[in-house]
PDB file of N, CA and C in Angstrom:
ATOM      1  N   MET A   1       0.819  -1.183   0.000  1.00  0.00           N
ATOM      2  CA  MET A   1       0.000   0.000   0.000  1.00  0.00           C
ATOM      3  C   MET A   1       0.869   1.254   0.000  1.00  0.00           C
ATOM      4  N   ARG A   2       1.966   1.182   0.715  1.00  0.00           N
ATOM      5  CA  ARG A   2       2.844   2.334   0.806  1.00  0.00           C
ATOM      6  C   ARG A   2       3.475   2.661  -0.552  1.00  0.00           C
ATOM      7  N   GLN A   3       3.714   1.630  -1.352  1.00  0.00           N
ATOM      8  CA  GLN A   3       4.305   1.841  -2.667  1.00  0.00           C
ATOM      9  C   GLN A   3       3.342   2.590  -3.586  1.00  0.00           C
ATOM     10  N   ARG A   4       2.053   2.316  -3.433  1.00  0.00           N
ATOM     11  CA  ARG A   4       1.057   3.015  -4.245  1.00  0.00           C
ATOM     12  C   ARG A   4       1.035   4.506  -3.902  1.00  0.00           C
ATOM     13  N   TYR A   5       1.100   4.816  -2.611  1.00  0.00           N
ATOM     14  CA  TYR A   5       1.122   6.217  -2.203  1.00  0.00           C
ATOM     15  C   TYR A   5       2.388   6.915  -2.699  1.00  0.00           C
ATOM     16  N   LEU A   6       3.495   6.215  -2.634  1.00  0.00           N
ATOM     17  CA  LEU A   6       4.752   6.790  -3.105  1.00  0.00           C
ATOM     18  C   LEU A   6       4.708   7.032  -4.610  1.00  0.00           C
ATOM     19  N   LEU A   7       4.159   6.088  -5.363  1.00  0.00           N
ATOM     20  CA  LEU A   7       4.039   6.253  -6.810  1.00  0.00           C
ATOM     21  C   LEU A   7       3.107   7.413  -7.141  1.00  0.00           C
ATOM     22  N   SER A   8       1.997   7.528  -6.441  1.00  0.00           N
ATOM     23  CA  SER A   8       1.065   8.634  -6.663  1.00  0.00           C
ATOM     24  C   SER A   8       1.710   9.975  -6.326  1.00  0.00           C
ATOM     25  N   LEU A   9       2.479   9.997  -5.254  1.00  0.00           N
ATOM     26  CA  LEU A   9       3.169  11.226  -4.864  1.00  0.00           C
ATOM     27  C   LEU A   9       4.181  11.645  -5.922  1.00  0.00           C
ATOM     28  N   LEU A  10       4.959  10.698  -6.407  1.00  0.00           N
ATOM     29  CA  LEU A  10       5.948  11.018  -7.435  1.00  0.00           C
ATOM     30  C   LEU A  10       5.293  11.465  -8.737  1.00  0.00           C
ATOM     31  N   CYS A  11       4.184  10.846  -9.110  1.00  0.00           N
ATOM     32  CA  CYS A  11       3.462  11.266 -10.319  1.00  0.00           C
ATOM     33  C   CYS A  11       2.903  12.680 -10.168  1.00  0.00           C
ATOM     34  N   ALA A  12       2.355  12.980  -9.003  1.00  0.00           N
ATOM     35  CA  ALA A  12       1.803  14.318  -8.772  1.00  0.00           C
ATOM     36  C   ALA A  12       2.903  15.374  -8.797  1.00  0.00           C
ATOM     37  N   ILE A  13       4.055  15.062  -8.223  1.00  0.00           N
ATOM     38  CA  ILE A  13       5.171  16.017  -8.247  1.00  0.00           C
ATOM     39  C   ILE A  13       5.669  16.205  -9.667  1.00  0.00           C
ATOM     40  N   ALA A  14       5.746  15.120 -10.438  1.00  0.00           N
ATOM     41  CA  ALA A  14       6.189  15.225 -11.829  1.00  0.00           C
ATOM     42  C   ALA A  14       5.212  16.061 -12.654  1.00  0.00           C
ATOM     43  N   MET A  15       3.903  15.843 -12.441  1.00  0.00           N
ATOM     44  CA  MET A  15       2.906  16.643 -13.159  1.00  0.00           C
ATOM     45  C   MET A  15       3.012  18.117 -12.792  1.00  0.00           C
ATOM     46  N   LEU A  16       3.215  18.398 -11.518  1.00  0.00           N
ATOM     47  CA  LEU A  16       3.360  19.776 -11.074  1.00  0.00           C
ATOM     48  C   LEU A  16       4.614  20.415 -11.661  1.00  0.00           C
ATOM     49  N   TYR A  17       5.708  19.657 -11.692  1.00  0.00           N
ATOM     50  CA  TYR A  17       6.967  20.156 -12.254  1.00  0.00           C
ATOM     51  C   TYR A  17       6.813  20.479 -13.740  1.00  0.00           C
ATOM     52  N   TYR A  18       6.089  19.629 -14.455  1.00  0.00           N
ATOM     53  CA  TYR A  18       5.895  19.838 -15.882  1.00  0.00           C
ATOM     54  C   TYR A  18       4.910  20.977 -16.160  1.00  0.00           C
ATOM     55  N   ALA A  19       3.836  21.068 -15.392  1.00  0.00           N
ATOM     56  CA  ALA A  19       2.763  22.011 -15.679  1.00  0.00           C
ATOM     57  C   ALA A  19       3.005  23.412 -15.128  1.00  0.00           C
ATOM     58  N   LEU A  20       3.790  23.537 -14.092  1.00  0.00           N
ATOM     59  CA  LEU A  20       3.952  24.846 -13.441  1.00  0.00           C
ATOM     60  C   LEU A  20       4.440  25.941 -14.394  1.00  0.00           C
ATOM     61  N   PRO A  21       5.446  25.709 -15.233  1.00  0.00           N
ATOM     62  CA  PRO A  21       5.857  26.776 -16.150  1.00  0.00           C
ATOM     63  C   PRO A  21       4.818  27.092 -17.228  1.00  0.00           C
ATOM     64  N   GLN A  22       3.911  26.158 -17.496  1.00  0.00           N
ATOM     65  CA  GLN A  22       2.945  26.363 -18.571  1.00  0.00           C
ATOM     66  C   GLN A  22       1.616  26.936 -18.096  1.00  0.00           C
ATOM     67  N   LEU A  23       1.380  26.976 -16.805  1.00  0.00           N
ATOM     68  CA  LEU A  23       0.124  27.519 -16.295  1.00  0.00           C
ATOM     69  C   LEU A  23       0.125  29.040 -16.396  1.00  0.00           C
ATOM     70  N   PRO A  24      -0.979  29.621 -16.859  1.00  0.00           N
ATOM     71  CA  PRO A  24      -1.032  31.077 -17.072  1.00  0.00           C
ATOM     72  C   PRO A  24      -1.418  31.848 -15.802  1.00  0.00           C
ATOM     73  N   PHE A  25      -0.497  31.953 -14.869  1.00  0.00           N
ATOM     74  CA  PHE A  25      -0.792  32.664 -13.625  1.00  0.00           C
ATOM     75  C   PHE A  25      -0.935  34.169 -13.840  1.00  0.00           C
ATOM     76  N   PHE A  26      -0.151  34.734 -14.744  1.00  0.00           N
ATOM     77  CA  PHE A  26      -0.119  36.187 -14.910  1.00  0.00           C
ATOM     78  C   PHE A  26      -0.621  36.628 -16.281  1.00  0.00           C
ATOM     79  N   SER A  27      -1.555  35.885 -16.848  1.00  0.00           N
ATOM     80  CA  SER A  27      -2.115  36.292 -18.136  1.00  0.00           C
ATOM     81  C   SER A  27      -3.230  37.311 -17.905  1.00  0.00           C
ATOM     82  N   GLY A  28      -3.685  37.919 -18.959  1.00  0.00           N
ATOM     83  CA  GLY A  28      -4.739  38.920 -18.845  1.00  0.00           C
ATOM     84  C   GLY A  28      -6.123  38.310 -18.665  1.00  0.00           C
ATOM     85  N   ASN A  29      -6.283  37.055 -19.009  1.00  0.00           N
ATOM     86  CA  ASN A  29      -7.576  36.396 -18.922  1.00  0.00           C
ATOM     87  C   ASN A  29      -7.815  35.911 -17.488  1.00  0.00           C
ATOM     88  N   GLU A  30      -8.902  36.386 -16.882  1.00  0.00           N
ATOM     89  CA  GLU A  30      -9.185  36.024 -15.490  1.00  0.00           C
ATOM     90  C   GLU A  30      -9.595  34.560 -15.346  1.00  0.00           C
ATOM     91  N   ALA A  31     -10.268  34.009 -16.342  1.00  0.00           N
ATOM     92  CA  ALA A  31     -10.677  32.608 -16.286  1.00  0.00           C
ATOM     93  C   ALA A  31      -9.443  31.703 -16.318  1.00  0.00           C
ATOM     94  N   ALA A  32      -8.464  32.067 -17.111  1.00  0.00           N
ATOM     95  CA  ALA A  32      -7.235  31.279 -17.196  1.00  0.00           C
ATOM     96  C   ALA A  32      -6.456  31.357 -15.881  1.00  0.00           C
ATOM     97  N   GLN A  33      -6.434  32.528 -15.273  1.00  0.00           N
ATOM     98  CA  GLN A  33      -5.771  32.673 -13.979  1.00  0.00           C
ATOM     99  C   GLN A  33      -6.468  31.846 -12.909  1.00  0.00           C
ATOM    100  N   LEU A  34      -7.797  31.862 -12.909  1.00  0.00           N
ATOM    101  CA  LEU A  34      -8.562  31.085 -11.947  1.00  0.00           C
ATOM    102  C   LEU A  34      -8.312  29.589 -12.133  1.00  0.00           C
ATOM    103  N   PHE A  35      -8.265  29.144 -13.383  1.00  0.00           N
ATOM    104  CA  PHE A  35      -7.972  27.748 -13.653  1.00  0.00           C
ATOM    105  C   PHE A  35      -6.577  27.385 -13.152  1.00  0.00           C
ATOM    106  N   ALA A  36      -5.589  28.233 -13.396  1.00  0.00           N
ATOM    107  CA  ALA A  36      -4.213  27.949 -12.989  1.00  0.00           C
ATOM    108  C   ALA A  36      -4.100  27.850 -11.471  1.00  0.00           C
ATOM    109  N   VAL A  37      -4.724  28.767 -10.772  1.00  0.00           N
ATOM    110  CA  VAL A  37      -4.666  28.751  -9.308  1.00  0.00           C
ATOM    111  C   VAL A  37      -5.395  27.529  -8.758  1.00  0.00           C
ATOM    112  N   THR A  38      -6.558  27.218  -9.315  1.00  0.00           N
ATOM    113  CA  THR A  38      -7.323  26.054  -8.856  1.00  0.00           C
ATOM    114  C   THR A  38      -6.557  24.764  -9.114  1.00  0.00           C
ATOM    115  N   TRP A  39      -5.963  24.628 -10.289  1.00  0.00           N
ATOM    116  CA  TRP A  39      -5.191  23.424 -10.620  1.00  0.00           C
ATOM    117  C   TRP A  39      -4.004  23.279  -9.671  1.00  0.00           C
ATOM    118  N   PHE A  40      -3.331  24.378  -9.395  1.00  0.00           N
ATOM    119  CA  PHE A  40      -2.190  24.354  -8.489  1.00  0.00           C
ATOM    120  C   PHE A  40      -2.611  23.941  -7.074  1.00  0.00           C
ATOM    121  N   LEU A  41      -3.726  24.480  -6.596  1.00  0.00           N
ATOM    122  CA  LEU A  41      -4.205  24.126  -5.255  1.00  0.00           C
ATOM    123  C   LEU A  41      -4.624  22.661  -5.173  1.00  0.00           C
ATOM    124  N   PHE A  42      -5.296  22.157  -6.206  1.00  0.00           N
ATOM    125  CA  PHE A  42      -5.655  20.732  -6.218  1.00  0.00           C
ATOM    126  C   PHE A  42      -4.413  19.853  -6.247  1.00  0.00           C
ATOM    127  N   ALA A  43      -3.395  20.269  -6.982  1.00  0.00           N
ATOM    128  CA  ALA A  43      -2.146  19.503  -7.018  1.00  0.00           C
ATOM    129  C   ALA A  43      -1.501  19.476  -5.631  1.00  0.00           C
ATOM    130  N   LEU A  44      -1.533  20.581  -4.923  1.00  0.00           N
ATOM    131  CA  LEU A  44      -0.982  20.618  -3.565  1.00  0.00           C
ATOM    132  C   LEU A  44      -1.788  19.737  -2.611  1.00  0.00           C
ATOM    133  N   VAL A  45      -3.098  19.695  -2.782  1.00  0.00           N
ATOM    134  CA  VAL A  45      -3.933  18.827  -1.940  1.00  0.00           C
ATOM    135  C   VAL A  45      -3.603  17.362  -2.200  1.00  0.00           C
ATOM    136  N   VAL A  46      -3.412  16.993  -3.465  1.00  0.00           N
ATOM    137  CA  VAL A  46      -3.065  15.612  -3.804  1.00  0.00           C
ATOM    138  C   VAL A  46      -1.707  15.248  -3.211  1.00  0.00           C
ATOM    139  N   ILE A  47      -0.737  16.135  -3.337  1.00  0.00           N
ATOM    140  CA  ILE A  47       0.595  15.880  -2.782  1.00  0.00           C
ATOM    141  C   ILE A  47       0.528  15.771  -1.263  1.00  0.00           C
ATOM    142  N   GLY A  48      -0.201  16.674  -0.628  1.00  0.00           N
ATOM    143  CA  GLY A  48      -0.338  16.627   0.831  1.00  0.00           C
ATOM    144  C   GLY A  48      -1.055  15.375   1.317  1.00  0.00           C
ATOM    145  N   GLY A  49      -2.082  14.951   0.601  1.00  0.00           N
ATOM    146  CA  GLY A  49      -2.803  13.749   0.988  1.00  0.00           C
ATOM    147  C   GLY A  49      -1.943  12.505   0.881  1.00  0.00           C
ATOM    148  N   ASN A  50      -1.196  12.392  -0.196  1.00  0.00           N
ATOM    149  CA  ASN A  50      -0.321  11.231  -0.350  1.00  0.00           C
ATOM    150  C   ASN A  50       0.819  11.253   0.664  1.00  0.00           C
ATOM    151  N   LEU A  51       1.336  12.431   0.937  1.00  0.00           N
ATOM    152  CA  LEU A  51       2.410  12.540   1.914  1.00  0.00           C
ATOM    153  C   LEU A  51       1.922  12.166   3.313  1.00  0.00           C
ATOM    154  N   SER A  52       0.741  12.627   3.678  1.00  0.00           N
ATOM    155  CA  SER A  52       0.213  12.270   5.000  1.00  0.00           C
ATOM    156  C   SER A  52      -0.111  10.779   5.084  1.00  0.00           C
ATOM    157  N   ALA A  53      -0.563  10.189   3.985  1.00  0.00           N
ATOM    158  CA  ALA A  53      -0.839   8.749   3.990  1.00  0.00           C
ATOM    159  C   ALA A  53       0.449   7.953   4.174  1.00  0.00           C
ATOM    160  N   ILE A  54       1.527   8.418   3.574  1.00  0.00           N
ATOM    161  CA  ILE A  54       2.811   7.732   3.735  1.00  0.00           C
ATOM    162  C   ILE A  54       3.323   7.885   5.159  1.00  0.00           C
ATOM    163  N   LEU A  55       3.223   9.081   5.711  1.00  0.00           N
ATOM    164  CA  LEU A  55       3.798   9.343   7.027  1.00  0.00           C
ATOM    165  C   LEU A  55       3.007   8.702   8.162  1.00  0.00           C
ATOM    166  N   PHE A  56       1.689   8.638   8.046  1.00  0.00           N
ATOM    167  CA  PHE A  56       0.868   8.181   9.154  1.00  0.00           C
ATOM    168  C   PHE A  56       0.286   6.793   8.938  1.00  0.00           C
ATOM    169  N   GLN A  57       0.737   6.065   7.949  1.00  0.00           N
ATOM    170  CA  GLN A  57       0.205   4.744   7.675  1.00  0.00           C
ATOM    171  C   GLN A  57       0.536   3.764   8.795  1.00  0.00           C
ATOM    172  N   LYS A  58       1.713   3.820   9.346  1.00  0.00           N
ATOM    173  CA  LYS A  58       2.124   2.887  10.389  1.00  0.00           C
ATOM    174  C   LYS A  58       1.294   3.092  11.654  1.00  0.00           C
ATOM    175  N   GLU A  59       1.008   4.325  11.998  1.00  0.00           N
ATOM    176  CA  GLU A  59       0.231   4.608  13.198  1.00  0.00           C
ATOM    177  C   GLU A  59      -1.194   4.098  13.065  1.00  0.00           C
ATOM    178  N   ARG A  60      -1.763   4.157  11.879  1.00  0.00           N
ATOM    179  CA  ARG A  60      -3.118   3.655  11.683  1.00  0.00           C
ATOM    180  C   ARG A  60      -3.169   2.155  11.898  1.00  0.00           C
ATOM    181  N   LYS A  61      -2.172   1.434  11.414  1.00  0.00           N
ATOM    182  CA  LYS A  61      -2.152  -0.011  11.598  1.00  0.00           C
ATOM    183  C   LYS A  61      -2.056  -0.357  13.079  1.00  0.00           C
ATOM    184  N   GLN A  62      -1.207   0.340  13.822  1.00  0.00           N
ATOM    185  CA  GLN A  62      -1.054   0.063  15.240  1.00  0.00           C
ATOM    186  C   GLN A  62      -2.347   0.370  15.991  1.00  0.00           C
ATOM    187  N   ALA A  63      -3.031   1.431  15.645  1.00  0.00           N
ATOM    188  CA  ALA A  63      -4.276   1.783  16.310  1.00  0.00           C
ATOM    189  C   ALA A  63      -5.342   0.734  16.034  1.00  0.00           C
ATOM    190  N   THR A  64      -5.388   0.208  14.821  1.00  0.00           N
ATOM    191  CA  THR A  64      -6.358  -0.824  14.482  1.00  0.00           C
ATOM    192  C   THR A  64      -6.075  -2.106  15.250  1.00  0.00           C
ATOM    193  N   VAL A  65      -4.824  -2.495  15.331  1.00  0.00           N
ATOM    194  CA  VAL A  65      -4.446  -3.705  16.063  1.00  0.00           C
ATOM    195  C   VAL A  65      -4.789  -3.541  17.536  1.00  0.00           C
ATOM    196  N   HIS A  66      -4.498  -2.383  18.109  1.00  0.00           N
ATOM    197  CA  HIS A  66      -4.799  -2.130  19.524  1.00  0.00           C
ATOM    198  C   HIS A  66      -6.302  -2.207  19.771  1.00  0.00           C
ATOM    199  N   LYS A  67      -7.091  -1.693  18.860  1.00  0.00           N
ATOM    200  CA  LYS A  67      -8.536  -1.720  19.021  1.00  0.00           C
ATOM    201  C   LYS A  67      -9.057  -3.156  18.961  1.00  0.00           C
ATOM    202  N   GLU A  68      -8.515  -3.965  18.038  1.00  0.00           N
ATOM    203  CA  GLU A  68      -8.944  -5.357  17.939  1.00  0.00           C
ATOM    204  C   GLU A  68      -8.590  -6.138  19.198  1.00  0.00           C
ATOM    205  N   VAL A  69      -7.405  -5.906  19.755  1.00  0.00           N
ATOM    206  CA  VAL A  69      -6.993  -6.605  20.974  1.00  0.00           C
ATOM    207  C   VAL A  69      -7.885  -6.192  22.129  1.00  0.00           C
ATOM    208  N   THR A  70      -8.210  -4.910  22.220  1.00  0.00           N
ATOM    209  CA  THR A  70      -9.067  -4.421  23.292  1.00  0.00           C
ATOM    210  C   THR A  70     -10.462  -5.045  23.194  1.00  0.00           C
ATOM    211  N   MET A  71     -10.990  -5.131  21.969  1.00  0.00           N
ATOM    212  CA  MET A  71     -12.310  -5.723  21.791  1.00  0.00           C
ATOM    213  C   MET A  71     -12.299  -7.210  22.152  1.00  0.00           C
ATOM    214  N   LYS A  72     -11.224  -7.930  21.838  1.00  0.00           N
ATOM    215  CA  LYS A  72     -11.137  -9.336  22.194  1.00  0.00           C
ATOM    216  C   LYS A  72     -11.099  -9.503  23.713  1.00  0.00           C
ATOM    217  N   ASN A  73     -10.347  -8.646  24.391  1.00  0.00           N
ATOM    218  CA  ASN A  73     -10.251  -8.728  25.850  1.00  0.00           C
ATOM    219  C   ASN A  73     -11.594  -8.421  26.510  1.00  0.00           C
ATOM    220  N   LYS A  74     -12.326  -7.473  25.981  1.00  0.00           N
ATOM    221  CA  LYS A  74     -13.634  -7.150  26.547  1.00  0.00           C
ATOM    222  C   LYS A  74     -14.583  -8.329  26.400  1.00  0.00           C
ATOM    223  N   GLY A  75     -14.522  -8.995  25.258  1.00  0.00           N
ATOM    224  CA  GLY A  75     -15.378 -10.162  25.048  1.00  0.00           C
ATOM    225  C   GLY A  75     -15.038 -11.265  26.024  1.00  0.00           C
ATOM    226  N   ARG A  76     -13.792 -11.464  26.297  1.00  0.00           N
ATOM    227  CA  ARG A  76     -13.375 -12.500  27.233  1.00  0.00           C
ATOM    228  C   ARG A  76     -13.797 -12.148  28.649  1.00  0.00           C
ATOM    229  N   LEU A  77     -13.678 -10.883  29.030  1.00  0.00           N
ATOM    230  CA  LEU A  77     -14.082 -10.483  30.365  1.00  0.00           C
ATOM    231  C   LEU A  77     -15.575 -10.696  30.565  1.00  0.00           C
ATOM    232  N   ARG A  78     -16.352 -10.419  29.567  1.00  0.00           N
ATOM    233  CA  ARG A  78     -17.798 -10.571  29.697  1.00  0.00           C
ATOM    234  C   ARG A  78     -18.194 -12.046  29.772  1.00  0.00           C
ATOM    235  N   SER A  79     -17.458 -12.902  29.109  1.00  0.00           N
ATOM    236  CA  SER A  79     -17.825 -14.322  29.120  1.00  0.00           C
ATOM    237  C   SER A  79     -17.500 -14.976  30.470  1.00  0.00           C
ATOM    238  N   TYR A  80     -16.599 -14.400  31.245  1.00  0.00           N
ATOM    239  CA  TYR A  80     -16.251 -14.974  32.535  1.00  0.00           C
ATOM    240  C   TYR A  80     -17.193 -14.516  33.642  1.00  0.00           C
ATOM    241  N   HIS A  81     -17.957 -13.467  33.436  1.00  0.00           N
ATOM    242  CA  HIS A  81     -18.836 -12.962  34.495  1.00  0.00           C
ATOM    243  C   HIS A  81     -20.048 -13.780  34.641  1.00  0.00           C
TER     244      HIS A  81
END
């Protein structure tokens, strides 16, 4: 799963690297400027989402395992009462 996030992150960075010089940030057309800013912000959201998934993936697994162990222990405690 981590490899998929890394591949997505690298693709998003490559797309941003390629598209950034071609986006019309300072053109006279306001619609083109709005598109450029929106595309750039969406690219940053994609990069941030993939980066957070890579960084916090291990903690999510540990939290899930801890929750499953806790639920098993509660079931055992109830069966002994």
